[in-house]
Amino acid sequence: MLLIRNIKVGSLSKLIFIISILISDVSYAQTQSMMIGTKTDIKILDKISSKNELINLNNTDEYIYKDLAIKSMKCTNSEFDDNPEIKAYIQVRDLTRNDNDKVYVFNGWMFSSSPSIAPFDHPVYDIWLVDCY
């Protein structure tokens, strides 16, 4: 009789363990999806006129700003940290160059807290990552 109780308790504990794993996986997936944004805010500085402008980009849509074609492919926001980090994968083409449309002036990840990790080098414009939501 003691063995039957141990088997029942053992199978019940296994069932509870499996249910708790499934619940934790669902909550982890929800937090991951909440951190990936659909829109990216960038700030563009025109070095000649010294004017800056805040641009709201929909991810995967190309935005034409004067001589630049800017596209944000993906952005993430770590809003649960004390010091949030915003990252975005951005592609920028210079439209004044007629040699090849497939060549990017910038193609990579930008970080809001450390823009010097992957700087955007252009003689006329400067771009900063501001927000992801």
N, C-alpha and C. Protein backbone atom coordinates (compact mmCIF):
# COMPACT_ATOMS: atom_id res chain seq x y z
N MET A 1 0.81 -1.18 0.00
CA MET A 1 0.00 0.00 0.00
C MET A 1 0.86 1.26 0.00
N LEU A 2 1.97 1.18 0.63
CA LEU A 2 2.87 2.32 0.67
C LEU A 2 3.41 2.63 -0.73
N LEU A 3 3.65 1.61 -1.52
CA LEU A 3 4.14 1.82 -2.88
C LEU A 3 3.11 2.51 -3.75
N ILE A 4 1.85 2.17 -3.59
CA ILE A 4 0.80 2.80 -4.40
C ILE A 4 0.72 4.28 -4.09
N ARG A 5 0.84 4.67 -2.83
CA ARG A 5 0.82 6.09 -2.47
C ARG A 5 2.02 6.81 -3.05
N ASN A 6 3.18 6.21 -3.01
CA ASN A 6 4.38 6.86 -3.56
C ASN A 6 4.26 7.04 -5.07
N ILE A 7 3.68 6.08 -5.74
CA ILE A 7 3.52 6.19 -7.18
C ILE A 7 2.52 7.30 -7.50
N LYS A 8 1.45 7.39 -6.79
CA LYS A 8 0.46 8.43 -7.04
C LYS A 8 1.05 9.81 -6.75
N VAL A 9 1.75 9.93 -5.64
CA VAL A 9 2.36 11.22 -5.31
C VAL A 9 3.45 11.57 -6.32
N GLY A 10 4.20 10.59 -6.75
CA GLY A 10 5.25 10.83 -7.73
C GLY A 10 4.69 11.30 -9.05
N SER A 11 3.62 10.67 -9.53
CA SER A 11 3.03 11.07 -10.80
C SER A 11 2.35 12.43 -10.67
N LEU A 12 1.78 12.73 -9.51
CA LEU A 12 1.16 14.03 -9.29
C LEU A 12 2.23 15.13 -9.27
N SER A 13 3.36 14.85 -8.64
CA SER A 13 4.43 15.85 -8.60
C SER A 13 5.02 16.07 -9.99
N LYS A 14 5.10 15.01 -10.80
CA LYS A 14 5.57 15.16 -12.17
C LYS A 14 4.61 16.03 -12.98
N LEU A 15 3.33 15.80 -12.78
CA LEU A 15 2.32 16.58 -13.49
C LEU A 15 2.41 18.06 -13.10
N ILE A 16 2.54 18.35 -11.83
CA ILE A 16 2.68 19.73 -11.37
C ILE A 16 3.95 20.36 -11.93
N PHE A 17 5.03 19.60 -11.97
CA PHE A 17 6.30 20.11 -12.51
C PHE A 17 6.16 20.45 -13.99
N ILE A 18 5.51 19.58 -14.76
CA ILE A 18 5.34 19.83 -16.20
C ILE A 18 4.45 21.05 -16.43
N ILE A 19 3.39 21.20 -15.66
CA ILE A 19 2.51 22.36 -15.80
C ILE A 19 3.25 23.65 -15.46
N SER A 20 4.07 23.63 -14.43
CA SER A 20 4.82 24.84 -14.07
C SER A 20 5.83 25.21 -15.15
N ILE A 21 6.44 24.22 -15.81
CA ILE A 21 7.37 24.50 -16.92
C ILE A 21 6.62 25.15 -18.08
N LEU A 22 5.46 24.62 -18.42
CA LEU A 22 4.68 25.18 -19.52
C LEU A 22 4.25 26.61 -19.24
N ILE A 23 3.83 26.88 -18.02
CA ILE A 23 3.42 28.24 -17.66
C ILE A 23 4.59 29.20 -17.73
N SER A 24 5.76 28.78 -17.27
CA SER A 24 6.93 29.67 -17.30
C SER A 24 7.37 29.93 -18.73
N ASP A 25 7.27 28.94 -19.63
CA ASP A 25 7.63 29.15 -21.02
C ASP A 25 6.69 30.14 -21.69
N VAL A 26 5.41 30.08 -21.41
CA VAL A 26 4.44 31.01 -21.98
C VAL A 26 4.71 32.43 -21.49
N SER A 27 5.00 32.60 -20.20
CA SER A 27 5.26 33.94 -19.68
C SER A 27 6.56 34.50 -20.24
N TYR A 28 7.57 33.64 -20.46
CA TYR A 28 8.83 34.09 -21.07
C TYR A 28 8.59 34.55 -22.50
N ALA A 29 7.78 33.82 -23.25
CA ALA A 29 7.48 34.20 -24.63
C ALA A 29 6.72 35.52 -24.67
N GLN A 30 5.82 35.75 -23.71
CA GLN A 30 5.08 37.00 -23.68
C GLN A 30 6.01 38.17 -23.40
N THR A 31 6.97 38.03 -22.48
CA THR A 31 7.89 39.13 -22.19
C THR A 31 8.81 39.38 -23.37
N GLN A 32 9.21 38.32 -24.09
CA GLN A 32 10.05 38.50 -25.26
C GLN A 32 9.30 39.25 -26.35
N SER A 33 8.03 38.93 -26.58
CA SER A 33 7.28 39.60 -27.63
C SER A 33 6.97 41.05 -27.24
N MET A 34 6.87 41.34 -25.97
CA MET A 34 6.60 42.71 -25.55
C MET A 34 7.83 43.59 -25.72
N MET A 35 9.02 43.01 -25.75
CA MET A 35 10.24 43.79 -25.87
C MET A 35 10.58 44.10 -27.32
N ILE A 36 10.02 43.38 -28.28
CA ILE A 36 10.27 43.64 -29.69
C ILE A 36 9.24 44.65 -30.18
N GLY A 37 9.73 45.77 -30.73
CA GLY A 37 8.84 46.83 -31.14
C GLY A 37 8.51 46.79 -32.62
N THR A 38 7.50 47.56 -33.00
CA THR A 38 7.10 47.67 -34.41
C THR A 38 7.44 49.04 -34.99
N LYS A 39 7.78 49.99 -34.13
CA LYS A 39 8.13 51.34 -34.59
C LYS A 39 9.43 51.78 -33.93
N THR A 40 10.19 52.57 -34.67
CA THR A 40 11.48 53.06 -34.21
C THR A 40 11.51 54.57 -34.37
N ASP A 41 11.96 55.27 -33.34
CA ASP A 41 12.17 56.72 -33.40
C ASP A 41 13.66 56.99 -33.54
N ILE A 42 14.01 57.79 -34.54
CA ILE A 42 15.39 58.22 -34.70
C ILE A 42 15.42 59.73 -34.82
N LYS A 43 16.55 60.30 -34.47
CA LYS A 43 16.74 61.74 -34.61
C LYS A 43 17.82 61.96 -35.66
N ILE A 44 17.53 62.84 -36.62
CA ILE A 44 18.47 63.14 -37.71
C ILE A 44 18.93 64.58 -37.57
N LEU A 45 20.23 64.77 -37.59
CA LEU A 45 20.82 66.10 -37.54
C LEU A 45 21.38 66.45 -38.91
N ASP A 46 20.93 67.59 -39.44
CA ASP A 46 21.52 68.13 -40.67
C ASP A 46 22.68 69.01 -40.24
N LYS A 47 23.90 68.58 -40.53
CA LYS A 47 25.09 69.29 -40.06
C LYS A 47 25.28 70.65 -40.74
N ILE A 48 24.72 70.83 -41.90
CA ILE A 48 24.87 72.09 -42.62
C ILE A 48 23.95 73.15 -42.03
N SER A 49 22.68 72.82 -41.83
CA SER A 49 21.72 73.80 -41.31
C SER A 49 21.63 73.77 -39.78
N SER A 50 22.24 72.79 -39.14
CA SER A 50 22.22 72.61 -37.67
C SER A 50 20.80 72.40 -37.14
N LYS A 51 19.95 71.80 -37.94
CA LYS A 51 18.59 71.50 -37.52
C LYS A 51 18.46 69.98 -37.35
N ASN A 52 17.71 69.61 -36.31
CA ASN A 52 17.46 68.18 -36.13
C ASN A 52 15.97 67.92 -36.20
N GLU A 53 15.64 66.67 -36.55
CA GLU A 53 14.25 66.29 -36.72
C GLU A 53 14.05 64.88 -36.18
N LEU A 54 12.94 64.70 -35.46
CA LEU A 54 12.59 63.39 -34.93
C LEU A 54 11.73 62.67 -35.97
N ILE A 55 12.15 61.46 -36.35
CA ILE A 55 11.48 60.68 -37.38
C ILE A 55 10.93 59.41 -36.75
N ASN A 56 9.68 59.08 -37.05
CA ASN A 56 9.05 57.85 -36.58
C ASN A 56 9.00 56.89 -37.75
N LEU A 57 9.69 55.76 -37.62
CA LEU A 57 9.77 54.76 -38.68
C LEU A 57 8.94 53.53 -38.33
N ASN A 58 8.15 53.05 -39.27
CA ASN A 58 7.54 51.73 -39.13
C ASN A 58 8.58 50.71 -39.58
N ASN A 59 8.75 49.65 -38.81
CA ASN A 59 9.76 48.66 -39.16
C ASN A 59 9.45 48.02 -40.50
N THR A 60 10.49 47.83 -41.29
CA THR A 60 10.51 47.28 -42.65
C THR A 60 9.97 48.24 -43.70
N ASP A 61 9.54 49.44 -43.35
CA ASP A 61 9.14 50.45 -44.33
C ASP A 61 10.30 51.42 -44.55
N GLU A 62 10.52 51.78 -45.82
CA GLU A 62 11.60 52.71 -46.14
C GLU A 62 11.08 54.14 -46.04
N TYR A 63 11.88 55.01 -45.41
CA TYR A 63 11.52 56.41 -45.25
C TYR A 63 12.57 57.25 -45.98
N ILE A 64 12.13 58.17 -46.83
CA ILE A 64 13.04 59.04 -47.56
C ILE A 64 13.15 60.36 -46.81
N TYR A 65 14.35 60.70 -46.38
CA TYR A 65 14.62 61.97 -45.72
C TYR A 65 15.69 62.70 -46.53
N LYS A 66 15.29 63.71 -47.27
CA LYS A 66 16.16 64.48 -48.15
C LYS A 66 16.97 63.54 -49.05
N ASP A 67 18.26 63.35 -48.80
CA ASP A 67 19.11 62.51 -49.65
C ASP A 67 19.33 61.11 -49.09
N LEU A 68 18.61 60.74 -48.04
CA LEU A 68 18.81 59.44 -47.42
C LEU A 68 17.55 58.59 -47.51
N ALA A 69 17.74 57.30 -47.72
CA ALA A 69 16.65 56.32 -47.65
C ALA A 69 16.93 55.48 -46.40
N ILE A 70 16.06 55.57 -45.40
CA ILE A 70 16.29 54.95 -44.09
C ILE A 70 15.25 53.86 -43.88
N LYS A 71 15.72 52.71 -43.42
CA LYS A 71 14.81 51.59 -43.13
C LYS A 71 15.23 50.95 -41.81
N SER A 72 14.27 50.83 -40.91
CA SER A 72 14.49 50.11 -39.66
C SER A 72 13.93 48.71 -39.83
N MET A 73 14.78 47.71 -39.71
CA MET A 73 14.36 46.33 -39.93
C MET A 73 13.77 45.71 -38.67
N LYS A 74 14.36 46.02 -37.51
CA LYS A 74 13.94 45.40 -36.26
C LYS A 74 14.42 46.28 -35.11
N CYS A 75 13.63 46.34 -34.04
CA CYS A 75 14.08 47.07 -32.86
C CYS A 75 13.64 46.32 -31.61
N THR A 76 14.45 46.46 -30.57
CA THR A 76 14.13 45.83 -29.28
C THR A 76 14.32 46.85 -28.17
N ASN A 77 13.56 46.66 -27.11
CA ASN A 77 13.60 47.56 -25.97
C ASN A 77 13.67 46.72 -24.71
N SER A 78 14.69 46.93 -23.90
CA SER A 78 14.81 46.18 -22.64
C SER A 78 14.29 47.06 -21.51
N GLU A 79 12.98 47.23 -21.47
CA GLU A 79 12.36 48.15 -20.53
C GLU A 79 12.35 47.64 -19.10
N PHE A 80 12.73 46.37 -18.86
CA PHE A 80 12.70 45.83 -17.52
C PHE A 80 13.98 46.11 -16.75
N ASP A 81 15.00 46.61 -17.40
CA ASP A 81 16.26 46.93 -16.74
C ASP A 81 16.18 48.29 -16.06
N ASP A 82 17.11 48.51 -15.12
CA ASP A 82 17.19 49.84 -14.50
C ASP A 82 17.67 50.87 -15.50
N ASN A 83 18.60 50.47 -16.36
CA ASN A 83 19.11 51.35 -17.40
C ASN A 83 18.71 50.73 -18.74
N PRO A 84 17.56 51.13 -19.32
CA PRO A 84 17.06 50.44 -20.51
C PRO A 84 17.97 50.65 -21.72
N GLU A 85 18.10 49.60 -22.50
CA GLU A 85 18.90 49.63 -23.72
C GLU A 85 17.97 49.45 -24.91
N ILE A 86 18.06 50.35 -25.85
CA ILE A 86 17.26 50.28 -27.07
C ILE A 86 18.21 49.96 -28.21
N LYS A 87 17.86 48.92 -28.98
CA LYS A 87 18.68 48.49 -30.11
C LYS A 87 17.80 48.44 -31.35
N ALA A 88 18.37 48.80 -32.49
CA ALA A 88 17.63 48.73 -33.74
C ALA A 88 18.58 48.37 -34.87
N TYR A 89 18.10 47.52 -35.77
CA TYR A 89 18.86 47.19 -36.97
C TYR A 89 18.40 48.14 -38.07
N ILE A 90 19.31 49.01 -38.51
CA ILE A 90 18.96 50.10 -39.43
C ILE A 90 19.80 50.01 -40.69
N GLN A 91 19.16 50.28 -41.83
CA GLN A 91 19.83 50.34 -43.12
C GLN A 91 19.63 51.74 -43.69
N VAL A 92 20.73 52.36 -44.15
CA VAL A 92 20.67 53.71 -44.70
C VAL A 92 21.38 53.72 -46.05
N ARG A 93 20.69 54.24 -47.07
CA ARG A 93 21.29 54.42 -48.39
C ARG A 93 21.39 55.91 -48.70
N ASP A 94 22.46 56.32 -49.36
CA ASP A 94 22.62 57.69 -49.82
C ASP A 94 22.08 57.77 -51.24
N LEU A 95 21.02 58.55 -51.45
CA LEU A 95 20.36 58.62 -52.76
C LEU A 95 21.12 59.46 -53.77
N THR A 96 22.13 60.22 -53.33
CA THR A 96 22.91 61.01 -54.28
C THR A 96 23.92 60.14 -55.03
N ARG A 97 24.22 58.96 -54.52
CA ARG A 97 25.13 58.03 -55.20
C ARG A 97 24.35 57.25 -56.24
N ASN A 98 24.76 57.36 -57.48
CA ASN A 98 24.05 56.68 -58.57
C ASN A 98 24.75 55.39 -59.00
N ASP A 99 25.86 55.05 -58.36
CA ASP A 99 26.63 53.88 -58.81
C ASP A 99 25.91 52.56 -58.54
N ASN A 100 25.28 52.43 -57.35
CA ASN A 100 24.62 51.16 -57.05
C ASN A 100 23.61 51.39 -55.94
N ASP A 101 22.36 51.01 -56.18
CA ASP A 101 21.30 51.19 -55.19
C ASP A 101 21.41 50.21 -54.03
N LYS A 102 22.15 49.13 -54.20
CA LYS A 102 22.24 48.11 -53.17
C LYS A 102 23.32 48.41 -52.13
N VAL A 103 24.12 49.46 -52.31
CA VAL A 103 25.20 49.78 -51.38
C VAL A 103 24.64 50.67 -50.27
N TYR A 104 24.87 50.24 -49.04
CA TYR A 104 24.38 50.98 -47.88
C TYR A 104 25.49 51.83 -47.28
N VAL A 105 25.14 53.04 -46.88
CA VAL A 105 26.07 53.89 -46.13
C VAL A 105 26.21 53.34 -44.72
N PHE A 106 25.09 52.83 -44.19
CA PHE A 106 25.10 52.19 -42.87
C PHE A 106 24.17 50.98 -42.95
N ASN A 107 24.64 49.87 -42.42
CA ASN A 107 23.85 48.64 -42.39
C ASN A 107 24.26 47.87 -41.15
N GLY A 108 23.51 48.03 -40.06
CA GLY A 108 23.88 47.33 -38.84
C GLY A 108 23.03 47.77 -37.65
N TRP A 109 23.45 47.30 -36.47
CA TRP A 109 22.73 47.60 -35.24
C TRP A 109 23.17 48.93 -34.68
N MET A 110 22.21 49.71 -34.21
CA MET A 110 22.47 50.96 -33.48
C MET A 110 22.02 50.76 -32.04
N PHE A 111 22.76 51.37 -31.12
CA PHE A 111 22.45 51.27 -29.69
C PHE A 111 22.22 52.68 -29.15
N SER A 112 21.14 52.85 -28.38
CA SER A 112 20.81 54.18 -27.88
C SER A 112 21.79 54.66 -26.82
N SER A 113 22.28 53.76 -25.99
CA SER A 113 23.16 54.19 -24.90
C SER A 113 24.60 54.40 -25.36
N SER A 114 25.00 53.74 -26.45
CA SER A 114 26.38 53.85 -26.94
C SER A 114 26.39 54.01 -28.45
N PRO A 115 26.13 55.21 -28.96
CA PRO A 115 26.09 55.38 -30.41
C PRO A 115 27.46 55.24 -31.07
N SER A 116 28.54 55.29 -30.28
CA SER A 116 29.87 55.18 -30.87
C SER A 116 30.28 53.74 -31.13
N ILE A 117 29.50 52.75 -30.68
CA ILE A 117 29.83 51.35 -30.96
C ILE A 117 29.74 51.08 -32.46
N ALA A 118 28.68 51.53 -33.09
CA ALA A 118 28.51 51.39 -34.54
C ALA A 118 28.09 52.76 -35.07
N PRO A 119 29.06 53.65 -35.31
CA PRO A 119 28.69 55.01 -35.70
C PRO A 119 28.21 55.11 -37.14
N PHE A 120 27.33 56.08 -37.37
CA PHE A 120 26.84 56.41 -38.70
C PHE A 120 27.72 57.56 -39.20
N ASP A 121 28.54 57.31 -40.22
CA ASP A 121 29.45 58.33 -40.76
C ASP A 121 28.90 58.86 -42.07
N HIS A 122 28.55 60.14 -42.07
CA HIS A 122 28.08 60.79 -43.28
C HIS A 122 28.52 62.25 -43.20
N PRO A 123 28.95 62.85 -44.31
CA PRO A 123 29.43 64.24 -44.25
C PRO A 123 28.35 65.27 -43.95
N VAL A 124 27.07 64.97 -44.25
CA VAL A 124 26.01 65.96 -44.09
C VAL A 124 25.07 65.63 -42.93
N TYR A 125 24.79 64.35 -42.69
CA TYR A 125 23.77 63.95 -41.72
C TYR A 125 24.37 63.11 -40.59
N ASP A 126 23.70 63.16 -39.45
CA ASP A 126 24.02 62.31 -38.33
C ASP A 126 22.72 61.72 -37.81
N ILE A 127 22.75 60.44 -37.41
CA ILE A 127 21.54 59.74 -36.97
C ILE A 127 21.76 59.17 -35.58
N TRP A 128 20.75 59.35 -34.69
CA TRP A 128 20.75 58.76 -33.36
C TRP A 128 19.48 57.95 -33.17
N LEU A 129 19.62 56.86 -32.47
CA LEU A 129 18.46 56.05 -32.09
C LEU A 129 17.86 56.61 -30.81
N VAL A 130 16.54 56.82 -30.80
CA VAL A 130 15.88 57.44 -29.65
C VAL A 130 14.99 56.45 -28.91
N ASP A 131 14.10 55.75 -29.63
CA ASP A 131 13.12 54.91 -28.94
C ASP A 131 12.66 53.77 -29.83
N CYS A 132 12.10 52.76 -29.20
CA CYS A 132 11.51 51.61 -29.87
C CYS A 132 10.23 51.25 -29.12
N TYR A 133 9.13 51.12 -29.84
CA TYR A 133 7.86 50.74 -29.21
C TYR A 133 6.99 50.00 -30.18
